[in-house]
PDB file of N, CA and C in Angstrom:
ATOM      1  N   MET A   1       0.849  -1.171   0.000  1.00  0.00           N
ATOM      2  CA  MET A   1       0.000   0.000   0.000  1.00  0.00           C
ATOM      3  C   MET A   1       0.900   1.241   0.000  1.00  0.00           C
ATOM      4  N   SER A   2       0.616   2.176  -0.842  1.00  0.00           N
ATOM      5  CA  SER A   2       1.451   3.366  -0.935  1.00  0.00           C
ATOM      6  C   SER A   2       1.045   4.386   0.119  1.00  0.00           C
ATOM      7  N   GLN A   3       1.916   5.360   0.358  1.00  0.00           N
ATOM      8  CA  GLN A   3       1.598   6.412   1.319  1.00  0.00           C
ATOM      9  C   GLN A   3       0.389   7.216   0.866  1.00  0.00           C
ATOM     10  N   TYR A   4       0.185   7.336  -0.441  1.00  0.00           N
ATOM     11  CA  TYR A   4      -0.937   8.105  -0.934  1.00  0.00           C
ATOM     12  C   TYR A   4      -2.260   7.389  -0.678  1.00  0.00           C
ATOM     13  N   SER A   5      -2.282   6.070  -0.779  1.00  0.00           N
ATOM     14  CA  SER A   5      -3.519   5.359  -0.485  1.00  0.00           C
ATOM     15  C   SER A   5      -3.844   5.456   1.005  1.00  0.00           C
ATOM     16  N   ASP A   6      -2.825   5.489   1.866  1.00  0.00           N
ATOM     17  CA  ASP A   6      -3.056   5.696   3.292  1.00  0.00           C
ATOM     18  C   ASP A   6      -3.682   7.062   3.539  1.00  0.00           C
ATOM     19  N   ILE A   7      -3.186   8.084   2.853  1.00  0.00           N
ATOM     20  CA  ILE A   7      -3.718   9.431   3.001  1.00  0.00           C
ATOM     21  C   ILE A   7      -5.163   9.486   2.524  1.00  0.00           C
ATOM     22  N   LEU A   8      -5.450   8.848   1.394  1.00  0.00           N
ATOM     23  CA  LEU A   8      -6.813   8.835   0.873  1.00  0.00           C
ATOM     24  C   LEU A   8      -7.769   8.134   1.836  1.00  0.00           C
ATOM     25  N   GLN A   9      -7.314   7.044   2.443  1.00  0.00           N
ATOM     26  CA  GLN A   9      -8.155   6.348   3.417  1.00  0.00           C
ATOM     27  C   GLN A   9      -8.411   7.227   4.627  1.00  0.00           C
ATOM     28  N   LEU A  10      -7.398   7.959   5.066  1.00  0.00           N
ATOM     29  CA  LEU A  10      -7.554   8.875   6.193  1.00  0.00           C
ATOM     30  C   LEU A  10      -8.592   9.946   5.879  1.00  0.00           C
ATOM     31  N   LEU A  11      -8.521  10.523   4.680  1.00  0.00           N
ATOM     32  CA  LEU A  11      -9.484  11.548   4.291  1.00  0.00           C
ATOM     33  C   LEU A  11     -10.893  10.976   4.172  1.00  0.00           C
ATOM     34  N   ALA A  12     -11.014   9.732   3.711  1.00  0.00           N
ATOM     35  CA  ALA A  12     -12.326   9.104   3.571  1.00  0.00           C
ATOM     36  C   ALA A  12     -12.986   8.888   4.934  1.00  0.00           C
ATOM     37  N   ARG A  13     -12.179   8.647   5.968  1.00  0.00           N
ATOM     38  CA  ARG A  13     -12.710   8.438   7.316  1.00  0.00           C
ATOM     39  C   ARG A  13     -13.009   9.747   8.033  1.00  0.00           C
ATOM     40  N   GLN A  14     -12.593  10.861   7.464  1.00  0.00           N
ATOM     41  CA  GLN A  14     -12.755  12.164   8.097  1.00  0.00           C
ATOM     42  C   GLN A  14     -14.233  12.480   8.303  1.00  0.00           C
ATOM     43  N   LYS A  15     -14.566  12.978   9.478  1.00  0.00           N
ATOM     44  CA  LYS A  15     -15.949  13.321   9.788  1.00  0.00           C
ATOM     45  C   LYS A  15     -16.286  14.691   9.231  1.00  0.00           C
ATOM     46  N   ALA A  16     -17.571  14.916   8.979  1.00  0.00           N
ATOM     47  CA  ALA A  16     -18.018  16.177   8.391  1.00  0.00           C
ATOM     48  C   ALA A  16     -17.689  17.377   9.262  1.00  0.00           C
ATOM     49  N   GLY A  17     -17.640  17.217  10.582  1.00  0.00           N
ATOM     50  CA  GLY A  17     -17.394  18.344  11.471  1.00  0.00           C
ATOM     51  C   GLY A  17     -15.922  18.638  11.718  1.00  0.00           C
ATOM     52  N   SER A  18     -15.038  17.888  11.125  1.00  0.00           N
ATOM     53  CA  SER A  18     -13.618  18.111  11.390  1.00  0.00           C
ATOM     54  C   SER A  18     -13.121  19.336  10.631  1.00  0.00           C
ATOM     55  N   PRO A  19     -12.008  19.918  11.096  1.00  0.00           N
ATOM     56  CA  PRO A  19     -11.525  21.154  10.458  1.00  0.00           C
ATOM     57  C   PRO A  19     -11.140  20.929   9.004  1.00  0.00           C
ATOM     58  N   GLY A  20     -11.287  21.975   8.220  1.00  0.00           N
ATOM     59  CA  GLY A  20     -10.927  21.913   6.816  1.00  0.00           C
ATOM     60  C   GLY A  20      -9.459  22.242   6.606  1.00  0.00           C
ATOM     61  N   VAL A  21      -9.162  22.703   5.427  1.00  0.00           N
ATOM     62  CA  VAL A  21      -7.794  23.054   5.074  1.00  0.00           C
ATOM     63  C   VAL A  21      -7.436  24.389   5.724  1.00  0.00           C
ATOM     64  N   GLN A  22      -6.258  24.442   6.303  1.00  0.00           N
ATOM     65  CA  GLN A  22      -5.750  25.658   6.915  1.00  0.00           C
ATOM     66  C   GLN A  22      -4.435  26.027   6.240  1.00  0.00           C
ATOM     67  N   THR A  23      -4.043  27.277   6.387  1.00  0.00           N
ATOM     68  CA  THR A  23      -2.720  27.656   5.910  1.00  0.00           C
ATOM     69  C   THR A  23      -1.775  27.700   7.099  1.00  0.00           C
ATOM     70  N   GLY A  24      -0.533  27.386   6.812  1.00  0.00           N
ATOM     71  CA  GLY A  24       0.508  27.420   7.825  1.00  0.00           C
ATOM     72  C   GLY A  24       1.779  27.963   7.215  1.00  0.00           C
ATOM     73  N   THR A  25       2.749  28.197   8.058  1.00  0.00           N
ATOM     74  CA  THR A  25       4.039  28.712   7.618  1.00  0.00           C
ATOM     75  C   THR A  25       5.126  27.711   7.981  1.00  0.00           C
ATOM     76  N   VAL A  26       6.027  27.471   7.040  1.00  0.00           N
ATOM     77  CA  VAL A  26       7.167  26.589   7.299  1.00  0.00           C
ATOM     78  C   VAL A  26       8.148  27.353   8.184  1.00  0.00           C
ATOM     79  N   ARG A  27       8.448  26.811   9.365  1.00  0.00           N
ATOM     80  CA  ARG A  27       9.433  27.441  10.253  1.00  0.00           C
ATOM     81  C   ARG A  27      10.830  26.939   9.926  1.00  0.00           C
ATOM     82  N   THR A  28      10.958  25.605   9.853  1.00  0.00           N
ATOM     83  CA  THR A  28      12.231  24.984   9.483  1.00  0.00           C
ATOM     84  C   THR A  28      11.945  23.818   8.561  1.00  0.00           C
ATOM     85  N   VAL A  29      12.941  23.450   7.761  1.00  0.00           N
ATOM     86  CA  VAL A  29      12.773  22.346   6.816  1.00  0.00           C
ATOM     87  C   VAL A  29      13.385  21.058   7.355  1.00  0.00           C
ATOM     88  N   SER A  30      14.488  21.155   8.067  1.00  0.00           N
ATOM     89  CA  SER A  30      15.137  19.960   8.604  1.00  0.00           C
ATOM     90  C   SER A  30      15.534  20.210  10.055  1.00  0.00           C
ATOM     91  N   PRO A  31      14.736  19.745  11.003  1.00  0.00           N
ATOM     92  CA  PRO A  31      13.512  18.965  10.861  1.00  0.00           C
ATOM     93  C   PRO A  31      12.353  19.860  10.429  1.00  0.00           C
ATOM     94  N   LEU A  32      11.361  19.253   9.779  1.00  0.00           N
ATOM     95  CA  LEU A  32      10.217  19.997   9.270  1.00  0.00           C
ATOM     96  C   LEU A  32       9.358  20.477  10.438  1.00  0.00           C
ATOM     97  N   THR A  33       9.165  21.788  10.513  1.00  0.00           N
ATOM     98  CA  THR A  33       8.368  22.410  11.558  1.00  0.00           C
ATOM     99  C   THR A  33       7.423  23.415  10.916  1.00  0.00           C
ATOM    100  N   LEU A  34       6.156  23.382  11.336  1.00  0.00           N
ATOM    101  CA  LEU A  34       5.145  24.284  10.806  1.00  0.00           C
ATOM    102  C   LEU A  34       4.586  25.155  11.923  1.00  0.00           C
ATOM    103  N   TYR A  35       4.077  26.309  11.541  1.00  0.00           N
ATOM    104  CA  TYR A  35       3.373  27.199  12.455  1.00  0.00           C
ATOM    105  C   TYR A  35       1.970  27.372  11.896  1.00  0.00           C
ATOM    106  N   ILE A  36       0.974  26.846  12.642  1.00  0.00           N
ATOM    107  CA  ILE A  36      -0.410  26.870  12.168  1.00  0.00           C
ATOM    108  C   ILE A  36      -1.311  27.392  13.284  1.00  0.00           C
ATOM    109  N   GLY A  37      -1.983  28.482  13.018  1.00  0.00           N
ATOM    110  CA  GLY A  37      -2.964  29.001  13.974  1.00  0.00           C
ATOM    111  C   GLY A  37      -2.417  29.238  15.367  1.00  0.00           C
ATOM    112  N   GLY A  38      -1.220  29.753  15.469  1.00  0.00           N
ATOM    113  CA  GLY A  38      -0.636  30.050  16.768  1.00  0.00           C
ATOM    114  C   GLY A  38       0.053  28.876  17.436  1.00  0.00           C
ATOM    115  N   THR A  39       0.141  27.737  16.750  1.00  0.00           N
ATOM    116  CA  THR A  39       0.749  26.535  17.319  1.00  0.00           C
ATOM    117  C   THR A  39       1.921  26.074  16.462  1.00  0.00           C
ATOM    118  N   VAL A  40       3.027  25.731  17.110  1.00  0.00           N
ATOM    119  CA  VAL A  40       4.176  25.161  16.409  1.00  0.00           C
ATOM    120  C   VAL A  40       3.966  23.653  16.327  1.00  0.00           C
ATOM    121  N   ILE A  41       4.037  23.109  15.109  1.00  0.00           N
ATOM    122  CA  ILE A  41       3.825  21.684  14.861  1.00  0.00           C
ATOM    123  C   ILE A  41       5.166  21.057  14.491  1.00  0.00           C
ATOM    124  N   THR A  42       5.561  20.024  15.219  1.00  0.00           N
ATOM    125  CA  THR A  42       6.831  19.347  14.948  1.00  0.00           C
ATOM    126  C   THR A  42       6.668  17.859  14.673  1.00  0.00           C
ATOM    127  N   ARG A  43       5.491  17.308  14.942  1.00  0.00           N
ATOM    128  CA  ARG A  43       5.263  15.864  14.769  1.00  0.00           C
ATOM    129  C   ARG A  43       4.014  15.617  13.943  1.00  0.00           C
ATOM    130  N   GLY A  44       3.950  14.431  13.371  1.00  0.00           N
ATOM    131  CA  GLY A  44       2.761  14.046  12.619  1.00  0.00           C
ATOM    132  C   GLY A  44       2.574  14.833  11.334  1.00  0.00           C
ATOM    133  N   ILE A  45       3.679  15.223  10.703  1.00  0.00           N
ATOM    134  CA  ILE A  45       3.611  16.007   9.468  1.00  0.00           C
ATOM    135  C   ILE A  45       3.854  15.085   8.276  1.00  0.00           C
ATOM    136  N   LEU A  46       2.941  15.115   7.317  1.00  0.00           N
ATOM    137  CA  LEU A  46       3.111  14.385   6.064  1.00  0.00           C
ATOM    138  C   LEU A  46       3.249  15.412   4.948  1.00  0.00           C
ATOM    139  N   ALA A  47       4.121  15.135   3.990  1.00  0.00           N
ATOM    140  CA  ALA A  47       4.331  16.073   2.885  1.00  0.00           C
ATOM    141  C   ALA A  47       4.665  15.312   1.615  1.00  0.00           C
ATOM    142  N   PRO A  48       4.239  15.835   0.459  1.00  0.00           N
ATOM    143  CA  PRO A  48       4.636  15.224  -0.807  1.00  0.00           C
ATOM    144  C   PRO A  48       6.164  15.264  -0.940  1.00  0.00           C
ATOM    145  N   PRO A  49       6.778  14.177  -1.363  1.00  0.00           N
ATOM    146  CA  PRO A  49       8.238  14.125  -1.468  1.00  0.00           C
ATOM    147  C   PRO A  49       8.829  15.239  -2.331  1.00  0.00           C
ATOM    148  N   LEU A  50       8.120  15.655  -3.375  1.00  0.00           N
ATOM    149  CA  LEU A  50       8.641  16.694  -4.260  1.00  0.00           C
ATOM    150  C   LEU A  50       8.934  17.986  -3.507  1.00  0.00           C
ATOM    151  N   LEU A  51       8.143  18.280  -2.462  1.00  0.00           N
ATOM    152  CA  LEU A  51       8.349  19.508  -1.703  1.00  0.00           C
ATOM    153  C   LEU A  51       9.608  19.467  -0.838  1.00  0.00           C
ATOM    154  N   LEU A  52      10.091  18.265  -0.568  1.00  0.00           N
ATOM    155  CA  LEU A  52      11.214  18.122   0.358  1.00  0.00           C
ATOM    156  C   LEU A  52      12.544  17.778  -0.290  1.00  0.00           C
ATOM    157  N   GLN A  53      12.509  17.262  -1.503  1.00  0.00           N
ATOM    158  CA  GLN A  53      13.764  16.830  -2.118  1.00  0.00           C
ATOM    159  C   GLN A  53      14.492  17.989  -2.769  1.00  0.00           C
ATOM    160  N   LYS A  54      15.794  17.941  -2.686  1.00  0.00           N
ATOM    161  CA  LYS A  54      16.618  18.967  -3.321  1.00  0.00           C
ATOM    162  C   LYS A  54      16.783  18.622  -4.796  1.00  0.00           C
ATOM    163  N   PRO A  55      16.801  19.644  -5.659  1.00  0.00           N
ATOM    164  CA  PRO A  55      17.011  19.379  -7.083  1.00  0.00           C
ATOM    165  C   PRO A  55      18.403  18.787  -7.318  1.00  0.00           C
ATOM    166  N   PRO A  56      18.546  17.919  -8.308  1.00  0.00           N
ATOM    167  CA  PRO A  56      19.859  17.362  -8.608  1.00  0.00           C
ATOM    168  C   PRO A  56      20.839  18.473  -8.976  1.00  0.00           C
ATOM    169  N   GLU A  57      22.071  18.296  -8.565  1.00  0.00           N
ATOM    170  CA  GLU A  57      23.075  19.325  -8.847  1.00  0.00           C
ATOM    171  C   GLU A  57      23.901  19.020 -10.087  1.00  0.00           C
ATOM    172  N   ASN A  58      23.463  18.063 -10.869  1.00  0.00           N
ATOM    173  CA  ASN A  58      24.186  17.779 -12.112  1.00  0.00           C
ATOM    174  C   ASN A  58      23.419  18.374 -13.279  1.00  0.00           C
ATOM    175  N   GLU A  59      23.938  18.241 -14.425  1.00  0.00           N
ATOM    176  CA  GLU A  59      23.327  18.845 -15.605  1.00  0.00           C
ATOM    177  C   GLU A  59      22.432  17.874 -16.368  1.00  0.00           C
ATOM    178  N   SER A  60      21.891  16.872 -15.669  1.00  0.00           N
ATOM    179  CA  SER A  60      21.067  15.871 -16.344  1.00  0.00           C
ATOM    180  C   SER A  60      19.636  16.353 -16.573  1.00  0.00           C
ATOM    181  N   ILE A  61      19.257  17.492 -16.014  1.00  0.00           N
ATOM    182  CA  ILE A  61      17.919  18.026 -16.245  1.00  0.00           C
ATOM    183  C   ILE A  61      18.025  19.411 -16.885  1.00  0.00           C
ATOM    184  N   SER A  62      16.976  19.811 -17.553  1.00  0.00           N
ATOM    185  CA  SER A  62      16.987  21.097 -18.241  1.00  0.00           C
ATOM    186  C   SER A  62      16.946  22.250 -17.237  1.00  0.00           C
ATOM    187  N   ALA A  63      17.360  23.404 -17.682  1.00  0.00           N
ATOM    188  CA  ALA A  63      17.348  24.594 -16.826  1.00  0.00           C
ATOM    189  C   ALA A  63      15.932  24.936 -16.348  1.00  0.00           C
ATOM    190  N   PRO A  64      14.902  24.882 -17.230  1.00  0.00           N
ATOM    191  CA  PRO A  64      13.545  25.172 -16.743  1.00  0.00           C
ATOM    192  C   PRO A  64      13.076  24.170 -15.674  1.00  0.00           C
ATOM    193  N   MET A  65      13.414  22.900 -15.846  1.00  0.00           N
ATOM    194  CA  MET A  65      13.025  21.902 -14.845  1.00  0.00           C
ATOM    195  C   MET A  65      13.760  22.143 -13.528  1.00  0.00           C
ATOM    196  N   ALA A  66      15.027  22.481 -13.595  1.00  0.00           N
ATOM    197  CA  ALA A  66      15.795  22.781 -12.386  1.00  0.00           C
ATOM    198  C   ALA A  66      15.197  23.983 -11.662  1.00  0.00           C
ATOM    199  N   ALA A  67      14.776  25.003 -12.414  1.00  0.00           N
ATOM    200  CA  ALA A  67      14.168  26.185 -11.810  1.00  0.00           C
ATOM    201  C   ALA A  67      12.835  25.821 -11.148  1.00  0.00           C
ATOM    202  N   TYR A  68      12.047  24.975 -11.809  1.00  0.00           N
ATOM    203  CA  TYR A  68      10.766  24.539 -11.245  1.00  0.00           C
ATOM    204  C   TYR A  68      10.987  23.790  -9.936  1.00  0.00           C
ATOM    205  N   LEU A  69      11.913  22.851  -9.944  1.00  0.00           N
ATOM    206  CA  LEU A  69      12.186  22.070  -8.740  1.00  0.00           C
ATOM    207  C   LEU A  69      12.677  22.963  -7.604  1.00  0.00           C
ATOM    208  N   GLN A  70      13.439  23.974  -7.937  1.00  0.00           N
ATOM    209  CA  GLN A  70      13.911  24.926  -6.924  1.00  0.00           C
ATOM    210  C   GLN A  70      12.732  25.712  -6.345  1.00  0.00           C
ATOM    211  N   ASP A  71      11.787  26.092  -7.202  1.00  0.00           N
ATOM    212  CA  ASP A  71      10.631  26.876  -6.758  1.00  0.00           C
ATOM    213  C   ASP A  71       9.688  26.085  -5.851  1.00  0.00           C
ATOM    214  N   VAL A  72       9.479  24.796  -6.128  1.00  0.00           N
ATOM    215  CA  VAL A  72       8.518  24.020  -5.341  1.00  0.00           C
ATOM    216  C   VAL A  72       9.112  23.501  -4.033  1.00  0.00           C
ATOM    217  N   GLN A  73      10.417  23.495  -3.917  1.00  0.00           N
ATOM    218  CA  GLN A  73      11.054  23.012  -2.694  1.00  0.00           C
ATOM    219  C   GLN A  73      10.682  23.925  -1.521  1.00  0.00           C
ATOM    220  N   LEU A  74      10.301  23.320  -0.387  1.00  0.00           N
ATOM    221  CA  LEU A  74       9.936  24.106   0.784  1.00  0.00           C
ATOM    222  C   LEU A  74      11.142  24.814   1.377  1.00  0.00           C
ATOM    223  N   LYS A  75      10.887  26.057   1.801  1.00  0.00           N
ATOM    224  CA  LYS A  75      11.914  26.870   2.448  1.00  0.00           C
ATOM    225  C   LYS A  75      11.275  27.535   3.662  1.00  0.00           C
ATOM    226  N   PRO A  76      12.059  27.882   4.675  1.00  0.00           N
ATOM    227  CA  PRO A  76      11.490  28.604   5.809  1.00  0.00           C
ATOM    228  C   PRO A  76      10.788  29.879   5.336  1.00  0.00           C
ATOM    229  N   GLY A  77       9.602  30.118   5.884  1.00  0.00           N
ATOM    230  CA  GLY A  77       8.813  31.286   5.506  1.00  0.00           C
ATOM    231  C   GLY A  77       7.753  30.998   4.454  1.00  0.00           C
ATOM    232  N   ASP A  78       7.830  29.846   3.785  1.00  0.00           N
ATOM    233  CA  ASP A  78       6.820  29.489   2.776  1.00  0.00           C
ATOM    234  C   ASP A  78       5.468  29.246   3.438  1.00  0.00           C
ATOM    235  N   THR A  79       4.405  29.574   2.712  1.00  0.00           N
ATOM    236  CA  THR A  79       3.046  29.297   3.158  1.00  0.00           C
ATOM    237  C   THR A  79       2.598  27.994   2.514  1.00  0.00           C
ATOM    238  N   VAL A  80       1.964  27.128   3.312  1.00  0.00           N
ATOM    239  CA  VAL A  80       1.501  25.832   2.819  1.00  0.00           C
ATOM    240  C   VAL A  80       0.038  25.636   3.197  1.00  0.00           C
ATOM    241  N   ALA A  81      -0.684  24.869   2.383  1.00  0.00           N
ATOM    242  CA  ALA A  81      -2.043  24.449   2.700  1.00  0.00           C
ATOM    243  C   ALA A  81      -1.938  23.126   3.447  1.00  0.00           C
ATOM    244  N   VAL A  82      -2.583  23.056   4.606  1.00  0.00           N
ATOM    245  CA  VAL A  82      -2.458  21.883   5.476  1.00  0.00           C
ATOM    246  C   VAL A  82      -3.841  21.352   5.831  1.00  0.00           C
ATOM    247  N   GLN A  83      -4.032  20.060   5.657  1.00  0.00           N
ATOM    248  CA  GLN A  83      -5.247  19.373   6.107  1.00  0.00           C
ATOM    249  C   GLN A  83      -4.906  18.736   7.446  1.00  0.00           C
ATOM    250  N   ARG A  84      -5.610  19.152   8.481  1.00  0.00           N
ATOM    251  CA  ARG A  84      -5.355  18.612   9.817  1.00  0.00           C
ATOM    252  C   ARG A  84      -6.438  17.611  10.170  1.00  0.00           C
ATOM    253  N   HIS A  85      -6.027  16.491  10.754  1.00  0.00           N
ATOM    254  CA  HIS A  85      -6.966  15.461  11.176  1.00  0.00           C
ATOM    255  C   HIS A  85      -6.361  14.774  12.389  1.00  0.00           C
ATOM    256  N   GLY A  86      -6.860  15.105  13.555  1.00  0.00           N
ATOM    257  CA  GLY A  86      -6.281  14.545  14.772  1.00  0.00           C
ATOM    258  C   GLY A  86      -4.844  15.007  14.923  1.00  0.00           C
ATOM    259  N   ASP A  87      -3.946  14.042  15.080  1.00  0.00           N
ATOM    260  CA  ASP A  87      -2.528  14.351  15.229  1.00  0.00           C
ATOM    261  C   ASP A  87      -1.785  14.378  13.897  1.00  0.00           C
ATOM    262  N   VAL A  88      -2.506  14.223  12.791  1.00  0.00           N
ATOM    263  CA  VAL A  88      -1.879  14.198  11.466  1.00  0.00           C
ATOM    264  C   VAL A  88      -2.065  15.560  10.797  1.00  0.00           C
ATOM    265  N   ASN A  89      -0.966  16.088  10.271  1.00  0.00           N
ATOM    266  CA  ASN A  89      -0.960  17.365   9.571  1.00  0.00           C
ATOM    267  C   ASN A  89      -0.395  17.122   8.183  1.00  0.00           C
ATOM    268  N   MET A  90      -1.268  17.081   7.186  1.00  0.00           N
ATOM    269  CA  MET A  90      -0.854  16.737   5.840  1.00  0.00           C
ATOM    270  C   MET A  90      -0.680  18.000   5.001  1.00  0.00           C
ATOM    271  N   ILE A  91       0.552  18.257   4.570  1.00  0.00           N
ATOM    272  CA  ILE A  91       0.802  19.386   3.682  1.00  0.00           C
ATOM    273  C   ILE A  91       0.289  18.998   2.302  1.00  0.00           C
ATOM    274  N   LEU A  92      -0.675  19.754   1.812  1.00  0.00           N
ATOM    275  CA  LEU A  92      -1.242  19.468   0.508  1.00  0.00           C
ATOM    276  C   LEU A  92      -0.414  20.094  -0.610  1.00  0.00           C
ATOM    277  N   CYS A  93       0.026  21.340  -0.399  1.00  0.00           N
ATOM    278  CA  CYS A  93       0.804  22.029  -1.417  1.00  0.00           C
ATOM    279  C   CYS A  93       1.383  23.310  -0.827  1.00  0.00           C
ATOM    280  N   LYS A  94       2.307  23.878  -1.554  1.00  0.00           N
ATOM    281  CA  LYS A  94       2.843  25.198  -1.252  1.00  0.00           C
ATOM    282  C   LYS A  94       1.903  26.194  -1.908  1.00  0.00           C
ATOM    283  N   VAL A  95       1.583  27.313  -1.231  1.00  0.00           N
ATOM    284  CA  VAL A  95       0.671  28.294  -1.800  1.00  0.00           C
ATOM    285  C   VAL A  95       1.328  29.668  -1.843  1.00  0.00           C
ATOM    286  N   VAL A  96       0.875  30.477  -2.782  1.00  0.00           N
ATOM    287  CA  VAL A  96       1.392  31.847  -2.936  1.00  0.00           C
ATOM    288  C   VAL A  96       0.209  32.796  -3.084  1.00  0.00           C
ATOM    289  N   SER A  97       0.399  34.041  -2.736  1.00  0.00           N
ATOM    290  CA  SER A  97      -0.632  35.059  -2.910  1.00  0.00           C
ATOM    291  C   SER A  97      -0.683  35.470  -4.373  1.00  0.00           C
ATOM    292  N   VAL A  98      -1.899  35.741  -4.868  1.00  0.00           N
ATOM    293  CA  VAL A  98      -2.046  36.214  -6.248  1.00  0.00           C
ATOM    294  C   VAL A  98      -2.842  37.503  -6.263  1.00  0.00           C
TER     295      VAL A  98
END
């Protein structure tokens, strides 16, 4: 079973009265720490691997792809959309103001 199917099962069990998506701020990346609604979160954080991996430092990928990977990587101060369910805090994506 993949981590994504576990996440989908968790969302399927979610009750109608549970909190929706909230925004949070990345405080640190290693270890991953979030600040959500006045609370510092250090445990129970799930995130898509793409947000956490560093772009390759070789020339095997194109410049536009390297720039994209650099942009999506989480950095301190980034705003993220977070689905909270009990002790689990799932980062859905990085968000920006438009």
